[in-house]
Amino acid sequence: MKNMWIAILLMIGVYSCGNGNTETKEEITAVTSTAEPAVALPSFMVMDSEGKQFNLQDLKGKKVFVNLWASWCPPCRAEMPSIQKLYEKTQGSNVAFVMLALDNDFKKSLQYMNTTGFLLPAYYPASPLPELFNVPGIPATFIFNEKGQLVRKIEGSDNYNTEEFVNLLTKN
């Protein structure tokens, strides 16, 4: 009988831990973001398709969408159309897109962009990746606000052609 009561109490405890959280995803994010120190847009040199280099921190003052991808990565290629649509929907806004290609040869990345017809601005690391961008896999996306603070990190592919992402990049 004693073992039965222990089992019942354990089941109640497990149930209440799993179902007691009534906060929404946004509320959890808000609580987490205020409890942790702000992650800043890293100082990191990138190169564009013409070989011009600039520091990612030069984009401070804009919302910055950084996507780590490679032409050989199927999940990266799968999410690219939704990123292209988000890019088109946010044109004219104070947003910078940095599609950071991680191919060994940047020419392969540019060739992929050209053959698919994507108009997204492709860049290549001109210095070692900062710690923030050292993720276990790609694709990975980082969205920074105008102050250069990380507001969203997504590891793995996602559908970016949504009102949520349009609002994140265009609303204050």
N, C-alpha and C. Protein backbone atom coordinates (compact mmCIF):
# COMPACT_ATOMS: atom_id res chain seq x y z
N MET A 1 0.82 -1.19 0.00
CA MET A 1 0.00 0.00 0.00
C MET A 1 0.87 1.26 0.00
N LYS A 2 1.96 1.20 0.80
CA LYS A 2 2.86 2.35 0.88
C LYS A 2 3.47 2.63 -0.49
N ASN A 3 3.87 1.60 -1.22
CA ASN A 3 4.47 1.76 -2.55
C ASN A 3 3.46 2.37 -3.53
N MET A 4 2.20 2.02 -3.40
CA MET A 4 1.17 2.57 -4.27
C MET A 4 1.05 4.08 -4.04
N TRP A 5 1.06 4.53 -2.78
CA TRP A 5 0.96 5.96 -2.48
C TRP A 5 2.18 6.72 -3.01
N ILE A 6 3.34 6.12 -2.90
CA ILE A 6 4.55 6.76 -3.43
C ILE A 6 4.44 6.91 -4.94
N ALA A 7 3.95 5.87 -5.61
CA ALA A 7 3.78 5.92 -7.07
C ALA A 7 2.77 7.01 -7.45
N ILE A 8 1.67 7.11 -6.72
CA ILE A 8 0.65 8.12 -7.01
C ILE A 8 1.23 9.52 -6.80
N LEU A 9 1.94 9.74 -5.71
CA LEU A 9 2.54 11.04 -5.45
C LEU A 9 3.57 11.41 -6.52
N LEU A 10 4.35 10.44 -6.97
CA LEU A 10 5.31 10.69 -8.05
C LEU A 10 4.61 11.09 -9.34
N MET A 11 3.52 10.39 -9.67
CA MET A 11 2.78 10.72 -10.89
C MET A 11 2.19 12.12 -10.80
N ILE A 12 1.66 12.50 -9.65
CA ILE A 12 1.11 13.85 -9.47
C ILE A 12 2.23 14.89 -9.62
N GLY A 13 3.38 14.62 -9.04
CA GLY A 13 4.51 15.54 -9.14
C GLY A 13 4.98 15.70 -10.58
N VAL A 14 5.10 14.61 -11.32
CA VAL A 14 5.51 14.67 -12.73
C VAL A 14 4.47 15.42 -13.54
N TYR A 15 3.19 15.15 -13.32
CA TYR A 15 2.13 15.82 -14.06
C TYR A 15 2.14 17.32 -13.80
N SER A 16 2.29 17.71 -12.53
CA SER A 16 2.24 19.14 -12.23
C SER A 16 3.48 19.86 -12.77
N CYS A 17 4.63 19.21 -12.83
CA CYS A 17 5.83 19.84 -13.40
C CYS A 17 5.66 20.03 -14.90
N GLY A 18 5.09 19.05 -15.56
CA GLY A 18 4.95 19.14 -17.01
C GLY A 18 3.83 20.03 -17.47
N ASN A 19 2.78 20.17 -16.68
CA ASN A 19 1.62 20.92 -17.13
C ASN A 19 1.34 22.18 -16.33
N GLY A 20 2.15 22.48 -15.36
CA GLY A 20 1.90 23.65 -14.53
C GLY A 20 2.32 24.95 -15.18
N ASN A 21 3.07 24.92 -16.25
CA ASN A 21 3.56 26.13 -16.89
C ASN A 21 2.50 26.67 -17.84
N THR A 22 1.94 27.80 -17.50
CA THR A 22 0.89 28.38 -18.34
C THR A 22 1.39 29.60 -19.10
N GLU A 23 2.71 29.91 -19.01
CA GLU A 23 3.25 31.06 -19.74
C GLU A 23 3.31 30.75 -21.23
N THR A 24 3.14 31.78 -22.03
CA THR A 24 3.27 31.60 -23.47
C THR A 24 4.74 31.67 -23.85
N LYS A 25 5.06 31.31 -25.09
CA LYS A 25 6.42 31.35 -25.58
C LYS A 25 6.99 32.77 -25.47
N GLU A 26 6.18 33.78 -25.79
CA GLU A 26 6.62 35.16 -25.73
C GLU A 26 6.94 35.57 -24.29
N GLU A 27 6.12 35.13 -23.34
CA GLU A 27 6.37 35.47 -21.95
C GLU A 27 7.65 34.83 -21.45
N ILE A 28 7.88 33.58 -21.83
CA ILE A 28 9.10 32.89 -21.43
C ILE A 28 10.31 33.61 -22.02
N THR A 29 10.23 33.98 -23.27
CA THR A 29 11.32 34.70 -23.91
C THR A 29 11.58 36.02 -23.19
N ALA A 30 10.52 36.73 -22.84
CA ALA A 30 10.69 38.02 -22.18
C ALA A 30 11.35 37.84 -20.82
N VAL A 31 10.93 36.83 -20.07
CA VAL A 31 11.53 36.59 -18.76
C VAL A 31 12.98 36.21 -18.93
N THR A 32 13.27 35.32 -19.87
CA THR A 32 14.64 34.88 -20.10
C THR A 32 15.52 36.04 -20.54
N SER A 33 15.03 36.87 -21.46
CA SER A 33 15.86 37.93 -21.99
C SER A 33 16.20 38.98 -20.94
N THR A 34 15.33 39.17 -19.94
CA THR A 34 15.65 40.15 -18.91
C THR A 34 16.56 39.54 -17.85
N ALA A 35 16.55 38.23 -17.69
CA ALA A 35 17.36 37.58 -16.68
C ALA A 35 18.81 37.38 -17.15
N GLU A 36 19.02 37.27 -18.44
CA GLU A 36 20.36 37.04 -18.98
C GLU A 36 20.95 38.33 -19.51
N PRO A 37 22.29 38.44 -19.45
CA PRO A 37 22.90 39.64 -20.03
C PRO A 37 22.68 39.66 -21.54
N ALA A 38 22.56 40.86 -22.10
CA ALA A 38 22.31 40.99 -23.53
C ALA A 38 23.50 40.49 -24.32
N VAL A 39 23.21 39.72 -25.37
CA VAL A 39 24.24 39.25 -26.28
C VAL A 39 24.33 40.26 -27.41
N ALA A 40 25.52 40.76 -27.66
CA ALA A 40 25.70 41.84 -28.62
C ALA A 40 26.10 41.35 -30.00
N LEU A 41 25.78 42.16 -30.99
CA LEU A 41 26.24 41.95 -32.36
C LEU A 41 27.76 41.89 -32.31
N PRO A 42 28.34 40.77 -32.74
CA PRO A 42 29.80 40.62 -32.57
C PRO A 42 30.61 41.49 -33.53
N SER A 43 31.80 41.83 -33.11
CA SER A 43 32.77 42.47 -33.99
C SER A 43 33.32 41.35 -34.86
N PHE A 44 33.07 41.42 -36.16
CA PHE A 44 33.37 40.30 -37.04
C PHE A 44 33.45 40.81 -38.47
N MET A 45 34.54 40.53 -39.14
CA MET A 45 34.73 40.99 -40.52
C MET A 45 34.12 40.00 -41.51
N VAL A 46 33.34 40.54 -42.45
CA VAL A 46 32.75 39.75 -43.53
C VAL A 46 33.12 40.38 -44.86
N MET A 47 33.03 39.57 -45.91
CA MET A 47 33.38 40.02 -47.25
C MET A 47 32.17 39.82 -48.16
N ASP A 48 31.89 40.81 -49.01
CA ASP A 48 30.77 40.69 -49.94
C ASP A 48 31.22 40.04 -51.24
N SER A 49 30.31 39.92 -52.19
CA SER A 49 30.59 39.24 -53.45
C SER A 49 31.62 39.96 -54.31
N GLU A 50 31.89 41.23 -54.02
CA GLU A 50 32.89 41.99 -54.77
C GLU A 50 34.24 42.05 -54.04
N GLY A 51 34.35 41.36 -52.91
CA GLY A 51 35.59 41.33 -52.15
C GLY A 51 35.75 42.46 -51.15
N LYS A 52 34.72 43.30 -51.01
CA LYS A 52 34.79 44.40 -50.04
C LYS A 52 34.49 43.84 -48.65
N GLN A 53 35.27 44.30 -47.67
CA GLN A 53 35.10 43.84 -46.30
C GLN A 53 34.51 44.92 -45.42
N PHE A 54 33.74 44.49 -44.42
CA PHE A 54 33.24 45.42 -43.40
C PHE A 54 33.00 44.64 -42.12
N ASN A 55 32.91 45.39 -41.03
CA ASN A 55 32.67 44.80 -39.72
C ASN A 55 31.16 44.70 -39.50
N LEU A 56 30.71 43.55 -39.04
CA LEU A 56 29.29 43.36 -38.76
C LEU A 56 28.75 44.43 -37.81
N GLN A 57 29.56 44.90 -36.89
CA GLN A 57 29.11 45.94 -35.96
C GLN A 57 28.79 47.25 -36.65
N ASP A 58 29.27 47.43 -37.88
CA ASP A 58 28.94 48.65 -38.63
C ASP A 58 27.45 48.72 -38.95
N LEU A 59 26.74 47.60 -38.80
CA LEU A 59 25.31 47.55 -39.10
C LEU A 59 24.45 47.97 -37.90
N LYS A 60 25.10 48.27 -36.77
CA LYS A 60 24.35 48.73 -35.59
C LYS A 60 23.53 49.95 -35.99
N GLY A 61 22.31 50.02 -35.50
CA GLY A 61 21.39 51.07 -35.91
C GLY A 61 20.31 50.52 -36.83
N LYS A 62 20.55 49.30 -37.33
CA LYS A 62 19.57 48.57 -38.15
C LYS A 62 19.24 47.27 -37.43
N LYS A 63 18.12 46.68 -37.77
CA LYS A 63 17.86 45.31 -37.35
C LYS A 63 18.68 44.45 -38.30
N VAL A 64 19.32 43.42 -37.76
CA VAL A 64 20.24 42.61 -38.55
C VAL A 64 19.81 41.15 -38.49
N PHE A 65 19.62 40.57 -39.67
CA PHE A 65 19.23 39.16 -39.84
C PHE A 65 20.47 38.44 -40.37
N VAL A 66 21.09 37.60 -39.55
CA VAL A 66 22.28 36.85 -39.95
C VAL A 66 21.89 35.38 -40.07
N ASN A 67 22.15 34.80 -41.22
CA ASN A 67 21.86 33.38 -41.45
C ASN A 67 23.14 32.68 -41.86
N LEU A 68 23.50 31.63 -41.12
CA LEU A 68 24.65 30.79 -41.46
C LEU A 68 24.15 29.65 -42.34
N TRP A 69 24.75 29.50 -43.52
CA TRP A 69 24.26 28.52 -44.48
C TRP A 69 25.42 28.04 -45.34
N ALA A 70 25.16 27.02 -46.14
CA ALA A 70 26.12 26.52 -47.13
C ALA A 70 25.33 25.92 -48.29
N SER A 71 25.91 25.98 -49.48
CA SER A 71 25.21 25.47 -50.66
C SER A 71 25.02 23.96 -50.63
N TRP A 72 25.85 23.25 -49.89
CA TRP A 72 25.77 21.78 -49.81
C TRP A 72 24.80 21.31 -48.73
N CYS A 73 24.17 22.23 -47.99
CA CYS A 73 23.32 21.91 -46.84
C CYS A 73 21.85 21.86 -47.25
N PRO A 74 21.23 20.65 -47.31
CA PRO A 74 19.82 20.57 -47.71
C PRO A 74 18.86 21.39 -46.85
N PRO A 75 18.96 21.40 -45.51
CA PRO A 75 18.04 22.24 -44.73
C PRO A 75 18.24 23.73 -45.02
N CYS A 76 19.47 24.13 -45.30
CA CYS A 76 19.73 25.53 -45.64
C CYS A 76 19.02 25.89 -46.94
N ARG A 77 19.16 25.03 -47.92
CA ARG A 77 18.52 25.27 -49.22
C ARG A 77 16.99 25.26 -49.08
N ALA A 78 16.48 24.42 -48.20
CA ALA A 78 15.03 24.31 -48.03
C ALA A 78 14.43 25.58 -47.43
N GLU A 79 15.14 26.26 -46.52
CA GLU A 79 14.58 27.46 -45.90
C GLU A 79 14.86 28.72 -46.71
N MET A 80 15.75 28.65 -47.68
CA MET A 80 16.15 29.83 -48.44
C MET A 80 14.98 30.55 -49.14
N PRO A 81 14.02 29.85 -49.75
CA PRO A 81 12.90 30.58 -50.37
C PRO A 81 12.11 31.42 -49.36
N SER A 82 11.93 30.92 -48.13
CA SER A 82 11.19 31.71 -47.14
C SER A 82 12.00 32.93 -46.69
N ILE A 83 13.32 32.80 -46.64
CA ILE A 83 14.17 33.96 -46.30
C ILE A 83 14.11 34.98 -47.42
N GLN A 84 14.11 34.51 -48.68
CA GLN A 84 14.01 35.43 -49.82
C GLN A 84 12.71 36.22 -49.75
N LYS A 85 11.60 35.54 -49.41
CA LYS A 85 10.30 36.23 -49.31
C LYS A 85 10.30 37.23 -48.16
N LEU A 86 10.91 36.88 -47.03
CA LEU A 86 11.02 37.81 -45.91
C LEU A 86 11.86 39.02 -46.32
N TYR A 87 12.94 38.78 -47.03
CA TYR A 87 13.80 39.85 -47.53
C TYR A 87 13.00 40.81 -48.41
N GLU A 88 12.20 40.26 -49.31
CA GLU A 88 11.38 41.09 -50.20
C GLU A 88 10.34 41.90 -49.42
N LYS A 89 9.73 41.29 -48.39
CA LYS A 89 8.69 41.96 -47.61
C LYS A 89 9.25 43.06 -46.71
N THR A 90 10.55 43.00 -46.41
CA THR A 90 11.12 43.98 -45.49
C THR A 90 11.97 45.03 -46.22
N GLN A 91 12.00 44.99 -47.54
CA GLN A 91 12.76 45.99 -48.30
C GLN A 91 12.21 47.38 -47.98
N GLY A 92 13.09 48.34 -47.86
CA GLY A 92 12.68 49.69 -47.51
C GLY A 92 12.62 49.91 -46.02
N SER A 93 12.75 48.85 -45.24
CA SER A 93 12.80 48.96 -43.78
C SER A 93 14.26 49.10 -43.36
N ASN A 94 14.44 49.39 -42.11
CA ASN A 94 15.78 49.55 -41.55
C ASN A 94 16.33 48.18 -41.14
N VAL A 95 16.49 47.28 -42.14
CA VAL A 95 16.90 45.90 -41.90
C VAL A 95 18.06 45.55 -42.82
N ALA A 96 19.05 44.86 -42.27
CA ALA A 96 20.16 44.35 -43.07
C ALA A 96 20.15 42.83 -43.00
N PHE A 97 20.25 42.19 -44.16
CA PHE A 97 20.34 40.74 -44.23
C PHE A 97 21.79 40.38 -44.51
N VAL A 98 22.30 39.43 -43.73
CA VAL A 98 23.66 38.94 -43.91
C VAL A 98 23.56 37.42 -44.04
N MET A 99 23.58 36.97 -45.29
CA MET A 99 23.56 35.53 -45.56
C MET A 99 25.02 35.08 -45.57
N LEU A 100 25.47 34.53 -44.45
CA LEU A 100 26.87 34.21 -44.25
C LEU A 100 27.16 32.79 -44.74
N ALA A 101 27.77 32.70 -45.90
CA ALA A 101 28.05 31.42 -46.55
C ALA A 101 29.24 30.74 -45.89
N LEU A 102 29.08 29.46 -45.57
CA LEU A 102 30.14 28.70 -44.92
C LEU A 102 30.73 27.63 -45.84
N ASP A 103 30.50 27.76 -47.14
CA ASP A 103 31.15 26.87 -48.09
C ASP A 103 32.65 27.09 -48.01
N ASN A 104 33.44 26.07 -48.33
CA ASN A 104 34.89 26.25 -48.37
C ASN A 104 35.30 27.23 -49.45
N ASP A 105 34.54 27.28 -50.52
CA ASP A 105 34.82 28.17 -51.65
C ASP A 105 33.63 29.11 -51.83
N PHE A 106 33.84 30.41 -51.61
CA PHE A 106 32.77 31.39 -51.70
C PHE A 106 32.16 31.43 -53.10
N LYS A 107 32.94 31.08 -54.10
CA LYS A 107 32.42 31.06 -55.48
C LYS A 107 31.27 30.07 -55.61
N LYS A 108 31.36 28.95 -54.91
CA LYS A 108 30.27 27.96 -54.94
C LYS A 108 28.99 28.56 -54.34
N SER A 109 29.14 29.33 -53.28
CA SER A 109 27.98 29.97 -52.64
C SER A 109 27.33 30.96 -53.60
N LEU A 110 28.17 31.78 -54.22
CA LEU A 110 27.65 32.78 -55.16
C LEU A 110 27.01 32.12 -56.37
N GLN A 111 27.62 31.04 -56.84
CA GLN A 111 27.05 30.31 -57.99
C GLN A 111 25.68 29.75 -57.62
N TYR A 112 25.55 29.21 -56.40
CA TYR A 112 24.25 28.70 -55.96
C TYR A 112 23.21 29.82 -55.93
N MET A 113 23.57 30.97 -55.38
CA MET A 113 22.64 32.10 -55.32
C MET A 113 22.23 32.53 -56.72
N ASN A 114 23.17 32.58 -57.63
CA ASN A 114 22.87 33.00 -59.01
C ASN A 114 21.98 32.01 -59.74
N THR A 115 22.25 30.71 -59.59
CA THR A 115 21.47 29.70 -60.32
C THR A 115 20.05 29.57 -59.77
N THR A 116 19.86 29.88 -58.50
CA THR A 116 18.52 29.78 -57.91
C THR A 116 17.72 31.06 -58.07
N GLY A 117 18.39 32.14 -58.42
CA GLY A 117 17.70 33.41 -58.59
C GLY A 117 17.45 34.17 -57.30
N PHE A 118 18.06 33.74 -56.20
CA PHE A 118 17.90 34.45 -54.93
C PHE A 118 18.64 35.78 -55.00
N LEU A 119 18.02 36.81 -54.48
CA LEU A 119 18.60 38.15 -54.49
C LEU A 119 19.18 38.53 -53.13
N LEU A 120 19.24 37.57 -52.23
CA LEU A 120 19.75 37.82 -50.89
C LEU A 120 21.23 38.18 -50.94
N PRO A 121 21.66 39.12 -50.11
CA PRO A 121 23.07 39.49 -50.10
C PRO A 121 23.93 38.43 -49.42
N ALA A 122 24.82 37.82 -50.19
CA ALA A 122 25.69 36.76 -49.67
C ALA A 122 27.02 37.35 -49.21
N TYR A 123 27.50 36.85 -48.09
CA TYR A 123 28.77 37.27 -47.51
C TYR A 123 29.57 36.05 -47.13
N TYR A 124 30.86 36.27 -46.89
CA TYR A 124 31.77 35.20 -46.54
C TYR A 124 32.60 35.67 -45.34
N PRO A 125 32.91 34.78 -44.40
CA PRO A 125 33.73 35.21 -43.26
C PRO A 125 35.11 35.69 -43.72
N ALA A 126 35.50 36.88 -43.29
CA ALA A 126 36.82 37.41 -43.60
C ALA A 126 37.73 37.29 -42.37
N SER A 127 37.18 36.76 -41.30
CA SER A 127 37.94 36.50 -40.08
C SER A 127 37.30 35.28 -39.42
N PRO A 128 37.94 34.68 -38.42
CA PRO A 128 37.33 33.52 -37.76
C PRO A 128 35.96 33.86 -37.19
N LEU A 129 35.08 32.88 -37.22
CA LEU A 129 33.73 33.08 -36.69
C LEU A 129 33.79 33.45 -35.21
N PRO A 130 32.98 34.42 -34.80
CA PRO A 130 32.93 34.75 -33.36
C PRO A 130 32.26 33.61 -32.60
N GLU A 131 32.50 33.56 -31.32
CA GLU A 131 31.98 32.49 -30.47
C GLU A 131 30.47 32.31 -30.64
N LEU A 132 29.72 33.39 -30.72
CA LEU A 132 28.27 33.32 -30.87
C LEU A 132 27.86 32.49 -32.08
N PHE A 133 28.62 32.56 -33.16
CA PHE A 133 28.27 31.86 -34.40
C PHE A 133 28.84 30.45 -34.47
N ASN A 134 29.54 30.01 -33.45
CA ASN A 134 30.04 28.63 -33.41
C ASN A 134 28.92 27.74 -32.90
N VAL A 135 28.10 27.28 -33.83
CA VAL A 135 26.93 26.46 -33.51
C VAL A 135 27.20 25.02 -33.94
N PRO A 136 26.49 24.06 -33.36
CA PRO A 136 26.74 22.66 -33.69
C PRO A 136 26.33 22.27 -35.11
N GLY A 137 25.48 23.06 -35.75
CA GLY A 137 25.05 22.73 -37.10
C GLY A 137 24.43 23.94 -37.78
N ILE A 138 24.26 23.81 -39.08
CA ILE A 138 23.60 24.86 -39.85
C ILE A 138 22.39 24.26 -40.52
N PRO A 139 21.41 25.09 -40.88
CA PRO A 139 21.39 26.53 -40.78
C PRO A 139 21.21 27.01 -39.34
N ALA A 140 21.63 28.24 -39.14
CA ALA A 140 21.42 28.92 -37.86
C ALA A 140 21.16 30.39 -38.18
N THR A 141 20.22 30.98 -37.47
CA THR A 141 19.84 32.37 -37.73
C THR A 141 19.90 33.16 -36.43
N PHE A 142 20.40 34.38 -36.55
CA PHE A 142 20.53 35.30 -35.43
C PHE A 142 19.90 36.62 -35.85
N ILE A 143 18.99 37.13 -35.03
CA ILE A 143 18.34 38.41 -35.34
C ILE A 143 18.67 39.39 -34.22
N PHE A 144 19.21 40.54 -34.61
CA PHE A 144 19.63 41.57 -33.68
C PHE A 144 18.75 42.80 -33.85
N ASN A 145 18.48 43.51 -32.76
CA ASN A 145 17.71 44.75 -32.85
C ASN A 145 18.63 45.91 -33.22
N GLU A 146 18.08 47.11 -33.28
CA GLU A 146 18.84 48.29 -33.68
C GLU A 146 19.98 48.61 -32.72
N LYS A 147 19.85 48.19 -31.48
CA LYS A 147 20.90 48.43 -30.49
C LYS A 147 22.02 47.39 -30.57
N GLY A 148 21.85 46.43 -31.47
CA GLY A 148 22.85 45.37 -31.62
C GLY A 148 22.68 44.24 -30.63
N GLN A 149 21.50 44.14 -30.01
CA GLN A 149 21.24 43.08 -29.05
C GLN A 149 20.55 41.91 -29.74
N LEU A 150 21.00 40.71 -29.42
CA LEU A 150 20.39 39.50 -29.98
C LEU A 150 18.97 39.36 -29.43
N VAL A 151 17.99 39.28 -30.35
CA VAL A 151 16.60 39.12 -29.92
C VAL A 151 16.04 37.75 -30.29
N ARG A 152 16.70 37.04 -31.20
CA ARG A 152 16.22 35.71 -31.59
C ARG A 152 17.39 34.90 -32.14
N LYS A 153 17.50 33.66 -31.70
CA LYS A 153 18.50 32.72 -32.21
C LYS A 153 17.76 31.44 -32.57
N ILE A 154 17.92 31.00 -33.80
CA ILE A 154 17.24 29.80 -34.27
C ILE A 154 18.28 28.84 -34.82
N GLU A 155 18.40 27.69 -34.21
CA GLU A 155 19.30 26.65 -34.71
C GLU A 155 18.45 25.63 -35.44
N GLY A 156 18.78 25.41 -36.70
CA GLY A 156 17.97 24.54 -37.55
C GLY A 156 17.16 25.40 -38.50
N SER A 157 16.46 24.75 -39.41
CA SER A 157 15.71 25.50 -40.41
C SER A 157 14.35 25.95 -39.85
N ASP A 158 13.82 26.98 -40.50
CA ASP A 158 12.53 27.52 -40.08
C ASP A 158 11.85 28.11 -41.31
N ASN A 159 10.58 28.44 -41.16
CA ASN A 159 9.85 29.16 -42.20
C ASN A 159 9.84 30.63 -41.80
N TYR A 160 10.56 31.45 -42.54
CA TYR A 160 10.68 32.87 -42.21
C TYR A 160 9.64 33.72 -42.94
N ASN A 161 8.86 33.13 -43.80
CA ASN A 161 7.84 33.86 -44.54
C ASN A 161 6.55 33.92 -43.70
N THR A 162 6.64 34.58 -42.54
CA THR A 162 5.49 34.69 -41.64
C THR A 162 5.35 36.13 -41.17
N GLU A 163 4.17 36.48 -40.72
CA GLU A 163 3.93 37.81 -40.17
C GLU A 163 4.77 38.04 -38.91
N GLU A 164 4.99 36.98 -38.14
CA GLU A 164 5.80 37.10 -36.93
C GLU A 164 7.19 37.65 -37.26
N PHE A 165 7.84 37.09 -38.28
CA PHE A 165 9.18 37.55 -38.63
C PHE A 165 9.15 38.91 -39.32
N VAL A 166 8.14 39.16 -40.13
CA VAL A 166 8.01 40.49 -40.74
C VAL A 166 7.88 41.54 -39.65
N ASN A 167 7.01 41.28 -38.67
CA ASN A 167 6.82 42.22 -37.57
C ASN A 167 8.09 42.38 -36.71
N LEU A 168 8.78 41.29 -36.47
CA LEU A 168 10.01 41.33 -35.69
C LEU A 168 11.04 42.26 -36.36
N LEU A 169 11.07 42.23 -37.68
CA LEU A 169 12.07 43.03 -38.39
C LEU A 169 11.61 44.44 -38.75
N THR A 170 10.31 44.69 -38.77
CA THR A 170 9.84 46.00 -39.22
C THR A 170 9.21 46.86 -38.13
N LYS A 171 8.74 46.24 -37.06
CA LYS A 171 8.07 47.00 -35.98
C LYS A 171 9.07 47.36 -34.90
N ASN A 172 8.77 48.44 -34.19
CA ASN A 172 9.63 48.83 -33.05
C ASN A 172 9.15 48.24 -31.77
